[in-house]
mmCIF file of all heavy atoms, coordinates in Angstrom:
data_MODEL
# 
_entry.id   MODEL 
# 
loop_
_atom_site.group_PDB 
_atom_site.id 
_atom_site.type_symbol 
_atom_site.label_atom_id 
_atom_site.label_alt_id 
_atom_site.label_comp_id 
_atom_site.label_asym_id 
_atom_site.label_entity_id 
_atom_site.label_seq_id 
_atom_site.pdbx_PDB_ins_code 
_atom_site.Cartn_x 
_atom_site.Cartn_y 
_atom_site.Cartn_z 
_atom_site.occupancy 
_atom_site.B_iso_or_equiv 
_atom_site.pdbx_formal_charge 
_atom_site.auth_seq_id 
_atom_site.auth_comp_id 
_atom_site.auth_asym_id 
_atom_site.auth_atom_id 
_atom_site.pdbx_PDB_model_num 
ATOM 1   N N   . PRO A 1 1  ? 52.270 33.406 -37.968 1.00 0.00 ? 1  PRO A N   1 
ATOM 2   C CA  . PRO A 1 1  ? 51.618 33.579 -36.661 1.00 0.00 ? 1  PRO A CA  1 
ATOM 3   C C   . PRO A 1 1  ? 51.627 32.273 -35.878 1.00 0.00 ? 1  PRO A C   1 
ATOM 4   O O   . PRO A 1 1  ? 51.678 31.183 -36.442 1.00 0.00 ? 1  PRO A O   1 
ATOM 5   C CB  . PRO A 1 1  ? 50.189 33.971 -37.037 1.00 0.00 ? 1  PRO A CB  1 
ATOM 6   C CG  . PRO A 1 1  ? 49.974 33.392 -38.382 1.00 0.00 ? 1  PRO A CG  1 
ATOM 7   C CD  . PRO A 1 1  ? 51.321 33.444 -39.068 1.00 0.00 ? 1  PRO A CD  1 
ATOM 8   N N   . GLU A 1 2  ? 51.563 32.421 -34.539 1.00 0.00 ? 2  GLU A N   1 
ATOM 9   C CA  . GLU A 1 2  ? 51.461 31.243 -33.685 1.00 0.00 ? 2  GLU A CA  1 
ATOM 10  C C   . GLU A 1 2  ? 50.064 30.651 -33.847 1.00 0.00 ? 2  GLU A C   1 
ATOM 11  O O   . GLU A 1 2  ? 49.054 31.365 -33.810 1.00 0.00 ? 2  GLU A O   1 
ATOM 12  C CB  . GLU A 1 2  ? 51.678 31.638 -32.233 1.00 0.00 ? 2  GLU A CB  1 
ATOM 13  C CG  . GLU A 1 2  ? 51.664 30.459 -31.305 1.00 0.00 ? 2  GLU A CG  1 
ATOM 14  C CD  . GLU A 1 2  ? 51.926 30.856 -29.868 1.00 0.00 ? 2  GLU A CD  1 
ATOM 15  O OE1 . GLU A 1 2  ? 52.570 31.896 -29.634 1.00 0.00 ? 2  GLU A OE1 1 
ATOM 16  O OE2 . GLU A 1 2  ? 51.472 30.127 -28.986 1.00 0.00 ? 2  GLU A OE2 1 
ATOM 17  N N   . ILE A 1 3  ? 50.005 29.368 -34.059 1.00 0.00 ? 3  ILE A N   1 
ATOM 18  C CA  . ILE A 1 3  ? 48.720 28.691 -34.247 1.00 0.00 ? 3  ILE A CA  1 
ATOM 19  C C   . ILE A 1 3  ? 48.127 28.399 -32.862 1.00 0.00 ? 3  ILE A C   1 
ATOM 20  O O   . ILE A 1 3  ? 48.771 27.773 -32.026 1.00 0.00 ? 3  ILE A O   1 
ATOM 21  C CB  . ILE A 1 3  ? 48.886 27.395 -35.050 1.00 0.00 ? 3  ILE A CB  1 
ATOM 22  C CG1 . ILE A 1 3  ? 49.421 27.747 -36.449 1.00 0.00 ? 3  ILE A CG1 1 
ATOM 23  C CG2 . ILE A 1 3  ? 47.569 26.635 -35.135 1.00 0.00 ? 3  ILE A CG2 1 
ATOM 24  C CD1 . ILE A 1 3  ? 49.817 26.563 -37.273 1.00 0.00 ? 3  ILE A CD1 1 
ATOM 25  N N   . PRO A 1 4  ? 46.909 28.882 -32.599 1.00 0.00 ? 4  PRO A N   1 
ATOM 26  C CA  . PRO A 1 4  ? 46.318 28.688 -31.264 1.00 0.00 ? 4  PRO A CA  1 
ATOM 27  C C   . PRO A 1 4  ? 45.883 27.242 -31.049 1.00 0.00 ? 4  PRO A C   1 
ATOM 28  O O   . PRO A 1 4  ? 45.697 26.484 -32.004 1.00 0.00 ? 4  PRO A O   1 
ATOM 29  C CB  . PRO A 1 4  ? 45.110 29.624 -31.273 1.00 0.00 ? 4  PRO A CB  1 
ATOM 30  C CG  . PRO A 1 4  ? 44.748 29.749 -32.708 1.00 0.00 ? 4  PRO A CG  1 
ATOM 31  C CD  . PRO A 1 4  ? 46.041 29.628 -33.487 1.00 0.00 ? 4  PRO A CD  1 
ATOM 32  N N   . LEU A 1 5  ? 45.739 26.890 -29.784 1.00 0.00 ? 5  LEU A N   1 
ATOM 33  C CA  . LEU A 1 5  ? 45.211 25.576 -29.446 1.00 0.00 ? 5  LEU A CA  1 
ATOM 34  C C   . LEU A 1 5  ? 43.743 25.494 -29.839 1.00 0.00 ? 5  LEU A C   1 
ATOM 35  O O   . LEU A 1 5  ? 43.021 26.495 -29.815 1.00 0.00 ? 5  LEU A O   1 
ATOM 36  C CB  . LEU A 1 5  ? 45.326 25.341 -27.939 1.00 0.00 ? 5  LEU A CB  1 
ATOM 37  C CG  . LEU A 1 5  ? 46.731 25.251 -27.370 1.00 0.00 ? 5  LEU A CG  1 
ATOM 38  C CD1 . LEU A 1 5  ? 46.676 25.147 -25.847 1.00 0.00 ? 5  LEU A CD1 1 
ATOM 39  C CD2 . LEU A 1 5  ? 47.479 24.072 -27.949 1.00 0.00 ? 5  LEU A CD2 1 
ATOM 40  N N   . VAL A 1 6  ? 43.306 24.309 -30.177 1.00 0.00 ? 6  VAL A N   1 
ATOM 41  C CA  . VAL A 1 6  ? 41.895 24.080 -30.471 1.00 0.00 ? 6  VAL A CA  1 
ATOM 42  C C   . VAL A 1 6  ? 41.152 24.012 -29.139 1.00 0.00 ? 6  VAL A C   1 
ATOM 43  O O   . VAL A 1 6  ? 41.598 23.318 -28.214 1.00 0.00 ? 6  VAL A O   1 
ATOM 44  C CB  . VAL A 1 6  ? 41.715 22.762 -31.259 1.00 0.00 ? 6  VAL A CB  1 
ATOM 45  C CG1 . VAL A 1 6  ? 40.245 22.439 -31.450 1.00 0.00 ? 6  VAL A CG1 1 
ATOM 46  C CG2 . VAL A 1 6  ? 42.433 22.849 -32.593 1.00 0.00 ? 6  VAL A CG2 1 
ATOM 47  N N   . PRO A 1 7  ? 40.053 24.732 -28.988 1.00 0.00 ? 7  PRO A N   1 
ATOM 48  C CA  . PRO A 1 7  ? 39.314 24.665 -27.718 1.00 0.00 ? 7  PRO A CA  1 
ATOM 49  C C   . PRO A 1 7  ? 38.827 23.245 -27.428 1.00 0.00 ? 7  PRO A C   1 
ATOM 50  O O   . PRO A 1 7  ? 38.489 22.496 -28.347 1.00 0.00 ? 7  PRO A O   1 
ATOM 51  C CB  . PRO A 1 7  ? 38.110 25.585 -27.949 1.00 0.00 ? 7  PRO A CB  1 
ATOM 52  C CG  . PRO A 1 7  ? 38.514 26.481 -29.063 1.00 0.00 ? 7  PRO A CG  1 
ATOM 53  C CD  . PRO A 1 7  ? 39.441 25.661 -29.930 1.00 0.00 ? 7  PRO A CD  1 
ATOM 54  N N   . ALA A 1 8  ? 38.816 22.894 -26.162 1.00 0.00 ? 8  ALA A N   1 
ATOM 55  C CA  . ALA A 1 8  ? 38.219 21.625 -25.748 1.00 0.00 ? 8  ALA A CA  1 
ATOM 56  C C   . ALA A 1 8  ? 36.708 21.850 -25.671 1.00 0.00 ? 8  ALA A C   1 
ATOM 57  O O   . ALA A 1 8  ? 36.257 22.878 -25.174 1.00 0.00 ? 8  ALA A O   1 
ATOM 58  C CB  . ALA A 1 8  ? 38.784 21.207 -24.396 1.00 0.00 ? 8  ALA A CB  1 
ATOM 59  N N   . HIS A 1 9  ? 35.940 20.895 -26.167 1.00 0.00 ? 9  HIS A N   1 
ATOM 60  C CA  . HIS A 1 9  ? 34.491 21.063 -26.243 1.00 0.00 ? 9  HIS A CA  1 
ATOM 61  C C   . HIS A 1 9  ? 33.814 19.758 -25.855 1.00 0.00 ? 9  HIS A C   1 
ATOM 62  O O   . HIS A 1 9  ? 34.182 18.697 -26.351 1.00 0.00 ? 9  HIS A O   1 
ATOM 63  C CB  . HIS A 1 9  ? 34.107 21.448 -27.678 1.00 0.00 ? 9  HIS A CB  1 
ATOM 64  C CG  . HIS A 1 9  ? 32.651 21.643 -27.866 1.00 0.00 ? 9  HIS A CG  1 
ATOM 65  N ND1 . HIS A 1 9  ? 31.867 20.735 -28.519 1.00 0.00 ? 9  HIS A ND1 1 
ATOM 66  C CD2 . HIS A 1 9  ? 31.834 22.648 -27.489 1.00 0.00 ? 9  HIS A CD2 1 
ATOM 67  C CE1 . HIS A 1 9  ? 30.618 21.172 -28.540 1.00 0.00 ? 9  HIS A CE1 1 
ATOM 68  N NE2 . HIS A 1 9  ? 30.572 22.321 -27.915 1.00 0.00 ? 9  HIS A NE2 1 
ATOM 69  N N   . TRP A 1 10 ? 32.830 19.860 -24.951 1.00 0.00 ? 10 TRP A N   1 
ATOM 70  C CA  . TRP A 1 10 ? 32.086 18.692 -24.525 1.00 0.00 ? 10 TRP A CA  1 
ATOM 71  C C   . TRP A 1 10 ? 30.602 19.023 -24.486 1.00 0.00 ? 10 TRP A C   1 
ATOM 72  O O   . TRP A 1 10 ? 30.213 20.154 -24.256 1.00 0.00 ? 10 TRP A O   1 
ATOM 73  C CB  . TRP A 1 10 ? 32.484 18.258 -23.108 1.00 0.00 ? 10 TRP A CB  1 
ATOM 74  C CG  . TRP A 1 10 ? 33.923 17.957 -22.924 1.00 0.00 ? 10 TRP A CG  1 
ATOM 75  C CD1 . TRP A 1 10 ? 34.556 16.763 -23.125 1.00 0.00 ? 10 TRP A CD1 1 
ATOM 76  C CD2 . TRP A 1 10 ? 34.932 18.861 -22.461 1.00 0.00 ? 10 TRP A CD2 1 
ATOM 77  N NE1 . TRP A 1 10 ? 35.880 16.885 -22.825 1.00 0.00 ? 10 TRP A NE1 1 
ATOM 78  C CE2 . TRP A 1 10 ? 36.143 18.157 -22.409 1.00 0.00 ? 10 TRP A CE2 1 
ATOM 79  C CE3 . TRP A 1 10 ? 34.938 20.211 -22.092 1.00 0.00 ? 10 TRP A CE3 1 
ATOM 80  C CZ2 . TRP A 1 10 ? 37.339 18.738 -22.003 1.00 0.00 ? 10 TRP A CZ2 1 
ATOM 81  C CZ3 . TRP A 1 10 ? 36.118 20.793 -21.689 1.00 0.00 ? 10 TRP A CZ3 1 
ATOM 82  C CH2 . TRP A 1 10 ? 37.303 20.059 -21.644 1.00 0.00 ? 10 TRP A CH2 1 
ATOM 83  N N   . ARG A 1 11 ? 29.796 17.988 -24.664 1.00 0.00 ? 11 ARG A N   1 
ATOM 84  C CA  . ARG A 1 11 ? 28.352 18.068 -24.435 1.00 0.00 ? 11 ARG A CA  1 
ATOM 85  C C   . ARG A 1 11 ? 28.004 17.001 -23.410 1.00 0.00 ? 11 ARG A C   1 
ATOM 86  O O   . ARG A 1 11 ? 28.446 15.862 -23.524 1.00 0.00 ? 11 ARG A O   1 
ATOM 87  C CB  . ARG A 1 11 ? 27.588 17.813 -25.730 1.00 0.00 ? 11 ARG A CB  1 
ATOM 88  C CG  . ARG A 1 11 ? 27.679 18.958 -26.693 1.00 0.00 ? 11 ARG A CG  1 
ATOM 89  C CD  . ARG A 1 11 ? 26.743 18.742 -27.881 1.00 0.00 ? 11 ARG A CD  1 
ATOM 90  N NE  . ARG A 1 11 ? 26.796 19.890 -28.741 1.00 0.00 ? 11 ARG A NE  1 
ATOM 91  C CZ  . ARG A 1 11 ? 27.400 19.923 -29.915 1.00 0.00 ? 11 ARG A CZ  1 
ATOM 92  N NH1 . ARG A 1 11 ? 28.003 18.841 -30.369 1.00 0.00 ? 11 ARG A NH1 1 
ATOM 93  N NH2 . ARG A 1 11 ? 27.394 21.018 -30.638 1.00 0.00 ? 11 ARG A NH2 1 
ATOM 94  N N   . PHE A 1 12 ? 27.222 17.413 -22.432 1.00 0.00 ? 12 PHE A N   1 
ATOM 95  C CA  . PHE A 1 12 ? 26.827 16.498 -21.359 1.00 0.00 ? 12 PHE A CA  1 
ATOM 96  C C   . PHE A 1 12 ? 25.310 16.505 -21.223 1.00 0.00 ? 12 PHE A C   1 
ATOM 97  O O   . PHE A 1 12 ? 24.664 17.538 -21.431 1.00 0.00 ? 12 PHE A O   1 
ATOM 98  C CB  . PHE A 1 12 ? 27.420 16.945 -20.015 1.00 0.00 ? 12 PHE A CB  1 
ATOM 99  C CG  . PHE A 1 12 ? 28.915 16.882 -19.955 1.00 0.00 ? 12 PHE A CG  1 
ATOM 100 C CD1 . PHE A 1 12 ? 29.663 18.034 -20.103 1.00 0.00 ? 12 PHE A CD1 1 
ATOM 101 C CD2 . PHE A 1 12 ? 29.565 15.679 -19.739 1.00 0.00 ? 12 PHE A CD2 1 
ATOM 102 C CE1 . PHE A 1 12 ? 31.048 17.995 -20.040 1.00 0.00 ? 12 PHE A CE1 1 
ATOM 103 C CE2 . PHE A 1 12 ? 30.945 15.629 -19.687 1.00 0.00 ? 12 PHE A CE2 1 
ATOM 104 C CZ  . PHE A 1 12 ? 31.688 16.779 -19.825 1.00 0.00 ? 12 PHE A CZ  1 
ATOM 105 N N   . PRO A 1 13 ? 24.723 15.368 -20.812 1.00 0.00 ? 13 PRO A N   1 
ATOM 106 C CA  . PRO A 1 13 ? 23.294 15.371 -20.507 1.00 0.00 ? 13 PRO A CA  1 
ATOM 107 C C   . PRO A 1 13 ? 23.019 16.363 -19.381 1.00 0.00 ? 13 PRO A C   1 
ATOM 108 O O   . PRO A 1 13 ? 23.834 16.527 -18.475 1.00 0.00 ? 13 PRO A O   1 
ATOM 109 C CB  . PRO A 1 13 ? 23.022 13.935 -20.040 1.00 0.00 ? 13 PRO A CB  1 
ATOM 110 C CG  . PRO A 1 13 ? 24.152 13.122 -20.580 1.00 0.00 ? 13 PRO A CG  1 
ATOM 111 C CD  . PRO A 1 13 ? 25.334 14.041 -20.641 1.00 0.00 ? 13 PRO A CD  1 
ATOM 112 N N   . ALA A 1 14 ? 21.887 17.023 -19.452 1.00 0.00 ? 14 ALA A N   1 
ATOM 113 C CA  . ALA A 1 14 ? 21.499 17.988 -18.422 1.00 0.00 ? 14 ALA A CA  1 
ATOM 114 C C   . ALA A 1 14 ? 21.023 17.216 -17.194 1.00 0.00 ? 14 ALA A C   1 
ATOM 115 O O   . ALA A 1 14 ? 19.836 17.169 -16.868 1.00 0.00 ? 14 ALA A O   1 
ATOM 116 C CB  . ALA A 1 14 ? 20.418 18.928 -18.949 1.00 0.00 ? 14 ALA A CB  1 
ATOM 117 N N   . HIS A 1 15 ? 21.986 16.599 -16.526 1.00 0.00 ? 15 HIS A N   1 
ATOM 118 C CA  . HIS A 1 15 ? 21.712 15.754 -15.365 1.00 0.00 ? 15 HIS A CA  1 
ATOM 119 C C   . HIS A 1 15 ? 22.823 15.982 -14.339 1.00 0.00 ? 15 HIS A C   1 
ATOM 120 O O   . HIS A 1 15 ? 23.991 16.142 -14.718 1.00 0.00 ? 15 HIS A O   1 
ATOM 121 C CB  . HIS A 1 15 ? 21.679 14.284 -15.799 1.00 0.00 ? 15 HIS A CB  1 
ATOM 122 C CG  . HIS A 1 15 ? 21.266 13.374 -14.717 1.00 0.00 ? 15 HIS A CG  1 
ATOM 123 N ND1 . HIS A 1 15 ? 22.154 12.868 -13.776 1.00 0.00 ? 15 HIS A ND1 1 
ATOM 124 C CD2 . HIS A 1 15 ? 20.057 12.876 -14.388 1.00 0.00 ? 15 HIS A CD2 1 
ATOM 125 C CE1 . HIS A 1 15 ? 21.507 12.094 -12.936 1.00 0.00 ? 15 HIS A CE1 1 
ATOM 126 N NE2 . HIS A 1 15 ? 20.232 12.079 -13.277 1.00 0.00 ? 15 HIS A NE2 1 
ATOM 127 N N   . PRO A 1 16 ? 22.490 15.985 -13.038 1.00 0.00 ? 16 PRO A N   1 
ATOM 128 C CA  . PRO A 1 16 ? 23.520 16.237 -12.019 1.00 0.00 ? 16 PRO A CA  1 
ATOM 129 C C   . PRO A 1 16 ? 24.752 15.336 -12.108 1.00 0.00 ? 16 PRO A C   1 
ATOM 130 O O   . PRO A 1 16 ? 25.854 15.757 -11.759 1.00 0.00 ? 16 PRO A O   1 
ATOM 131 C CB  . PRO A 1 16 ? 22.773 16.022 -10.701 1.00 0.00 ? 16 PRO A CB  1 
ATOM 132 C CG  . PRO A 1 16 ? 21.352 16.343 -11.028 1.00 0.00 ? 16 PRO A CG  1 
ATOM 133 C CD  . PRO A 1 16 ? 21.149 15.869 -12.445 1.00 0.00 ? 16 PRO A CD  1 
ATOM 134 N N   . ALA A 1 17 ? 24.610 14.113 -12.585 1.00 0.00 ? 17 ALA A N   1 
ATOM 135 C CA  . ALA A 1 17 ? 25.761 13.212 -12.707 1.00 0.00 ? 17 ALA A CA  1 
ATOM 136 C C   . ALA A 1 17 ? 26.806 13.739 -13.691 1.00 0.00 ? 17 ALA A C   1 
ATOM 137 O O   . ALA A 1 17 ? 27.975 13.354 -13.625 1.00 0.00 ? 17 ALA A O   1 
ATOM 138 C CB  . ALA A 1 17 ? 25.298 11.819 -13.132 1.00 0.00 ? 17 ALA A CB  1 
ATOM 139 N N   . SER A 1 18 ? 26.413 14.632 -14.560 1.00 0.00 ? 18 SER A N   1 
ATOM 140 C CA  . SER A 1 18 ? 27.345 15.193 -15.546 1.00 0.00 ? 18 SER A CA  1 
ATOM 141 C C   . SER A 1 18 ? 28.369 16.132 -14.921 1.00 0.00 ? 18 SER A C   1 
ATOM 142 O O   . SER A 1 18 ? 29.431 16.362 -15.501 1.00 0.00 ? 18 SER A O   1 
ATOM 143 C CB  . SER A 1 18 ? 26.568 15.943 -16.632 1.00 0.00 ? 18 SER A CB  1 
ATOM 144 O OG  . SER A 1 18 ? 25.772 15.049 -17.365 1.00 0.00 ? 18 SER A OG  1 
ATOM 145 N N   . VAL A 1 19 ? 28.068 16.688 -13.759 1.00 0.00 ? 19 VAL A N   1 
ATOM 146 C CA  . VAL A 1 19 ? 28.975 17.658 -13.133 1.00 0.00 ? 19 VAL A CA  1 
ATOM 147 C C   . VAL A 1 19 ? 30.321 17.003 -12.823 1.00 0.00 ? 19 VAL A C   1 
ATOM 148 O O   . VAL A 1 19 ? 31.378 17.562 -13.120 1.00 0.00 ? 19 VAL A O   1 
ATOM 149 C CB  . VAL A 1 19 ? 28.348 18.296 -11.879 1.00 0.00 ? 19 VAL A CB  1 
ATOM 150 C CG1 . VAL A 1 19 ? 29.326 19.216 -11.176 1.00 0.00 ? 19 VAL A CG1 1 
ATOM 151 C CG2 . VAL A 1 19 ? 27.071 19.051 -12.263 1.00 0.00 ? 19 VAL A CG2 1 
ATOM 152 N N   . ARG A 1 20 ? 30.301 15.829 -12.258 1.00 0.00 ? 20 ARG A N   1 
ATOM 153 C CA  . ARG A 1 20 ? 31.546 15.111 -11.948 1.00 0.00 ? 20 ARG A CA  1 
ATOM 154 C C   . ARG A 1 20 ? 32.335 14.816 -13.221 1.00 0.00 ? 20 ARG A C   1 
ATOM 155 O O   . ARG A 1 20 ? 33.554 14.998 -13.267 1.00 0.00 ? 20 ARG A O   1 
ATOM 156 C CB  . ARG A 1 20 ? 31.223 13.822 -11.202 1.00 0.00 ? 20 ARG A CB  1 
ATOM 157 C CG  . ARG A 1 20 ? 32.443 13.024 -10.822 1.00 0.00 ? 20 ARG A CG  1 
ATOM 158 C CD  . ARG A 1 20 ? 32.033 11.798 -9.958  1.00 0.00 ? 20 ARG A CD  1 
ATOM 159 N NE  . ARG A 1 20 ? 33.158 10.942 -9.752  1.00 0.00 ? 20 ARG A NE  1 
ATOM 160 C CZ  . ARG A 1 20 ? 33.454 9.889  -10.525 1.00 0.00 ? 20 ARG A CZ  1 
ATOM 161 N NH1 . ARG A 1 20 ? 32.683 9.585  -11.552 1.00 0.00 ? 20 ARG A NH1 1 
ATOM 162 N NH2 . ARG A 1 20 ? 34.501 9.147  -10.265 1.00 0.00 ? 20 ARG A NH2 1 
ATOM 163 N N   . ARG A 1 21 ? 31.650 14.353 -14.248 1.00 0.00 ? 21 ARG A N   1 
ATOM 164 C CA  . ARG A 1 21 ? 32.322 14.054 -15.522 1.00 0.00 ? 21 ARG A CA  1 
ATOM 165 C C   . ARG A 1 21 ? 32.940 15.312 -16.116 1.00 0.00 ? 21 ARG A C   1 
ATOM 166 O O   . ARG A 1 21 ? 34.046 15.276 -16.657 1.00 0.00 ? 21 ARG A O   1 
ATOM 167 C CB  . ARG A 1 21 ? 31.325 13.435 -16.505 1.00 0.00 ? 21 ARG A CB  1 
ATOM 168 C CG  . ARG A 1 21 ? 30.896 12.042 -16.088 1.00 0.00 ? 21 ARG A CG  1 
ATOM 169 C CD  . ARG A 1 21 ? 29.861 11.424 -17.033 1.00 0.00 ? 21 ARG A CD  1 
ATOM 170 N NE  . ARG A 1 21 ? 30.207 11.575 -18.417 1.00 0.00 ? 21 ARG A NE  1 
ATOM 171 C CZ  . ARG A 1 21 ? 29.326 11.879 -19.381 1.00 0.00 ? 21 ARG A CZ  1 
ATOM 172 N NH1 . ARG A 1 21 ? 28.054 12.054 -19.087 1.00 0.00 ? 21 ARG A NH1 1 
ATOM 173 N NH2 . ARG A 1 21 ? 29.722 11.995 -20.621 1.00 0.00 ? 21 ARG A NH2 1 
ATOM 174 N N   . ALA A 1 22 ? 32.251 16.429 -16.009 1.00 0.00 ? 22 ALA A N   1 
ATOM 175 C CA  . ALA A 1 22 ? 32.759 17.692 -16.555 1.00 0.00 ? 22 ALA A CA  1 
ATOM 176 C C   . ALA A 1 22 ? 34.006 18.156 -15.800 1.00 0.00 ? 22 ALA A C   1 
ATOM 177 O O   . ALA A 1 22 ? 34.984 18.594 -16.414 1.00 0.00 ? 22 ALA A O   1 
ATOM 178 C CB  . ALA A 1 22 ? 31.677 18.761 -16.501 1.00 0.00 ? 22 ALA A CB  1 
ATOM 179 N N   . ARG A 1 23 ? 33.977 18.062 -14.479 1.00 0.00 ? 23 ARG A N   1 
ATOM 180 C CA  . ARG A 1 23 ? 35.161 18.436 -13.688 1.00 0.00 ? 23 ARG A CA  1 
ATOM 181 C C   . ARG A 1 23 ? 36.365 17.610 -14.105 1.00 0.00 ? 23 ARG A C   1 
ATOM 182 O O   . ARG A 1 23 ? 37.471 18.136 -14.287 1.00 0.00 ? 23 ARG A O   1 
ATOM 183 C CB  . ARG A 1 23 ? 34.893 18.239 -12.189 1.00 0.00 ? 23 ARG A CB  1 
ATOM 184 C CG  . ARG A 1 23 ? 34.027 19.281 -11.564 1.00 0.00 ? 23 ARG A CG  1 
ATOM 185 C CD  . ARG A 1 23 ? 34.061 19.208 -10.041 1.00 0.00 ? 23 ARG A CD  1 
ATOM 186 N NE  . ARG A 1 23 ? 33.920 17.875 -9.507  1.00 0.00 ? 23 ARG A NE  1 
ATOM 187 C CZ  . ARG A 1 23 ? 32.795 17.370 -8.978  1.00 0.00 ? 23 ARG A CZ  1 
ATOM 188 N NH1 . ARG A 1 23 ? 31.705 18.119 -8.913  1.00 0.00 ? 23 ARG A NH1 1 
ATOM 189 N NH2 . ARG A 1 23 ? 32.754 16.151 -8.518  1.00 0.00 ? 23 ARG A NH2 1 
ATOM 190 N N   . HIS A 1 24 ? 36.166 16.325 -14.249 1.00 0.00 ? 24 HIS A N   1 
ATOM 191 C CA  . HIS A 1 24 ? 37.257 15.434 -14.647 1.00 0.00 ? 24 HIS A CA  1 
ATOM 192 C C   . HIS A 1 24 ? 37.770 15.805 -16.046 1.00 0.00 ? 24 HIS A C   1 
ATOM 193 O O   . HIS A 1 24 ? 38.985 15.864 -16.272 1.00 0.00 ? 24 HIS A O   1 
ATOM 194 C CB  . HIS A 1 24 ? 36.786 13.978 -14.616 1.00 0.00 ? 24 HIS A CB  1 
ATOM 195 C CG  . HIS A 1 24 ? 37.842 13.008 -14.992 1.00 0.00 ? 24 HIS A CG  1 
ATOM 196 N ND1 . HIS A 1 24 ? 38.891 12.686 -14.162 1.00 0.00 ? 24 HIS A ND1 1 
ATOM 197 C CD2 . HIS A 1 24 ? 38.024 12.305 -16.134 1.00 0.00 ? 24 HIS A CD2 1 
ATOM 198 C CE1 . HIS A 1 24 ? 39.676 11.818 -14.778 1.00 0.00 ? 24 HIS A CE1 1 
ATOM 199 N NE2 . HIS A 1 24 ? 39.169 11.568 -15.971 1.00 0.00 ? 24 HIS A NE2 1 
ATOM 200 N N   . ALA A 1 25 ? 36.869 16.053 -16.971 1.00 0.00 ? 25 ALA A N   1 
ATOM 201 C CA  . ALA A 1 25 ? 37.264 16.412 -18.340 1.00 0.00 ? 25 ALA A CA  1 
ATOM 202 C C   . ALA A 1 25 ? 38.099 17.693 -18.354 1.00 0.00 ? 25 ALA A C   1 
ATOM 203 O O   . ALA A 1 25 ? 39.128 17.778 -19.048 1.00 0.00 ? 25 ALA A O   1 
ATOM 204 C CB  . ALA A 1 25 ? 36.025 16.576 -19.218 1.00 0.00 ? 25 ALA A CB  1 
ATOM 205 N N   . VAL A 1 26 ? 37.682 18.684 -17.597 1.00 0.00 ? 26 VAL A N   1 
ATOM 206 C CA  . VAL A 1 26 ? 38.410 19.955 -17.544 1.00 0.00 ? 26 VAL A CA  1 
ATOM 207 C C   . VAL A 1 26 ? 39.798 19.750 -16.951 1.00 0.00 ? 26 VAL A C   1 
ATOM 208 O O   . VAL A 1 26 ? 40.803 20.217 -17.490 1.00 0.00 ? 26 VAL A O   1 
ATOM 209 C CB  . VAL A 1 26 ? 37.605 21.017 -16.755 1.00 0.00 ? 26 VAL A CB  1 
ATOM 210 C CG1 . VAL A 1 26 ? 38.464 22.204 -16.370 1.00 0.00 ? 26 VAL A CG1 1 
ATOM 211 C CG2 . VAL A 1 26 ? 36.409 21.471 -17.583 1.00 0.00 ? 26 VAL A CG2 1 
ATOM 212 N N   . THR A 1 27 ? 39.873 19.036 -15.850 1.00 0.00 ? 27 THR A N   1 
ATOM 213 C CA  . THR A 1 27 ? 41.171 18.790 -15.217 1.00 0.00 ? 27 THR A CA  1 
ATOM 214 C C   . THR A 1 27 ? 42.112 18.061 -16.168 1.00 0.00 ? 27 THR A C   1 
ATOM 215 O O   . THR A 1 27 ? 43.284 18.429 -16.307 1.00 0.00 ? 27 THR A O   1 
ATOM 216 C CB  . THR A 1 27 ? 40.998 17.959 -13.924 1.00 0.00 ? 27 THR A CB  1 
ATOM 217 O OG1 . THR A 1 27 ? 40.166 18.689 -13.032 1.00 0.00 ? 27 THR A OG1 1 
ATOM 218 C CG2 . THR A 1 27 ? 42.327 17.681 -13.258 1.00 0.00 ? 27 THR A CG2 1 
ATOM 219 N N   . GLU A 1 28 ? 41.614 17.041 -16.826 1.00 0.00 ? 28 GLU A N   1 
ATOM 220 C CA  . GLU A 1 28 ? 42.452 16.263 -17.741 1.00 0.00 ? 28 GLU A CA  1 
ATOM 221 C C   . GLU A 1 28 ? 42.900 17.058 -18.966 1.00 0.00 ? 28 GLU A C   1 
ATOM 222 O O   . GLU A 1 28 ? 43.935 16.757 -19.540 1.00 0.00 ? 28 GLU A O   1 
ATOM 223 C CB  . GLU A 1 28 ? 41.716 14.996 -18.179 1.00 0.00 ? 28 GLU A CB  1 
ATOM 224 C CG  . GLU A 1 28 ? 41.566 13.977 -17.070 1.00 0.00 ? 28 GLU A CG  1 
ATOM 225 C CD  . GLU A 1 28 ? 42.908 13.526 -16.506 1.00 0.00 ? 28 GLU A CD  1 
ATOM 226 O OE1 . GLU A 1 28 ? 43.800 13.141 -17.285 1.00 0.00 ? 28 GLU A OE1 1 
ATOM 227 O OE2 . GLU A 1 28 ? 43.061 13.572 -15.267 1.00 0.00 ? 28 GLU A OE2 1 
ATOM 228 N N   . SER A 1 29 ? 42.141 18.067 -19.352 1.00 0.00 ? 29 SER A N   1 
ATOM 229 C CA  . SER A 1 29 ? 42.509 18.835 -20.541 1.00 0.00 ? 29 SER A CA  1 
ATOM 230 C C   . SER A 1 29 ? 43.527 19.937 -20.250 1.00 0.00 ? 29 SER A C   1 
ATOM 231 O O   . SER A 1 29 ? 44.149 20.467 -21.168 1.00 0.00 ? 29 SER A O   1 
ATOM 232 C CB  . SER A 1 29 ? 41.269 19.430 -21.205 1.00 0.00 ? 29 SER A CB  1 
ATOM 233 O OG  . SER A 1 29 ? 40.753 20.467 -20.417 1.00 0.00 ? 29 SER A OG  1 
ATOM 234 N N   . LEU A 1 30 ? 43.722 20.280 -18.976 1.00 0.00 ? 30 LEU A N   1 
ATOM 235 C CA  . LEU A 1 30 ? 44.707 21.307 -18.625 1.00 0.00 ? 30 LEU A CA  1 
ATOM 236 C C   . LEU A 1 30 ? 46.123 20.772 -18.814 1.00 0.00 ? 30 LEU A C   1 
ATOM 237 O O   . LEU A 1 30 ? 46.402 19.624 -18.462 1.00 0.00 ? 30 LEU A O   1 
ATOM 238 C CB  . LEU A 1 30 ? 44.564 21.718 -17.165 1.00 0.00 ? 30 LEU A CB  1 
ATOM 239 C CG  . LEU A 1 30 ? 43.575 22.798 -16.819 1.00 0.00 ? 30 LEU A CG  1 
ATOM 240 C CD1 . LEU A 1 30 ? 43.557 22.996 -15.303 1.00 0.00 ? 30 LEU A CD1 1 
ATOM 241 C CD2 . LEU A 1 30 ? 43.869 24.081 -17.515 1.00 0.00 ? 30 LEU A CD2 1 
# 
């Protein structure tokens, strides 16, 4: 079988500043 990719996983502080970091992380992982 084809081996699937490992999901990207992050934890961020529950703070508005984390939104920018999360967007960047998602874009870079694509």
